[in-house]
Amino acid sequence: MTQKVDRRIQRTRQLLHKALIELIMEKPYDQITVQDILDRANIGRATFYAHFPDKDALLLGGMDEDHFDIRLYLDEAEIAVDEGKLLPCYSLFRHAQQFYPLYKAMLGGNGIEMVKKAFHKHLVHAIEQRIKRYAPTVSLPLPLVSHYLAGALMSLIIWWLDHEMPHSPEEMDTMVQQIVMLGLERLSHEQS
């Protein structure tokens, strides 16, 4: 019996999240009401509030699932490290390209600020872990370097989305690698 309840809860959350994502691609987030979400998902108000206190919680709760779990896209195959890629981001750009309307609506220049902040937080954590593992000789404080790299990567993603992806995911990854590796090599040499 418990498994059936869990499935119903999961299905309800999926319906609500899907409805919100569809609405985000149609109109600005601040114009979307809980009632719009309920109408789209065909779910009652009491059911919504049994799962989420507001639409922000629904949105942020979905960031660790499906399209916006950044760990899935920055944690590429270990072979990327063997190729000299400290910050493999090809799959992140590829995924953003695949779901371009969604990424543009959420992360583009006119995107949703709380999504950008949460996305940045995930980036910082993922980058910090990679630096600890693959470039431990960096002379500057780790939080400083990881925030800098995350901010730069966020800025590039936003630019790329707002300019309708003028370079392929492969090209973006190559350019990011060049920028990141030049900076980290210099920092590592300065410590020596």
Foldseek 3Di string as FASTA:
>chain_A
DVVVVVVVLVVLLVLLLVQLLVVLLVDANVPDAVVSSCVSSVHDPVSVCVNDVGVVRSNVVCLCDDLNVCCVQQVDDPVCVVVVFLGQRLSVQVSCLVVLSSCCSAQAPSHDVVSLVVSLVSQLVSSLVSCVVRPVQQPDDSSVVSSVLSVVVSVVSNVCSVVVNPDHSVVVRVVSSVVVVVVSVVRNVVSD
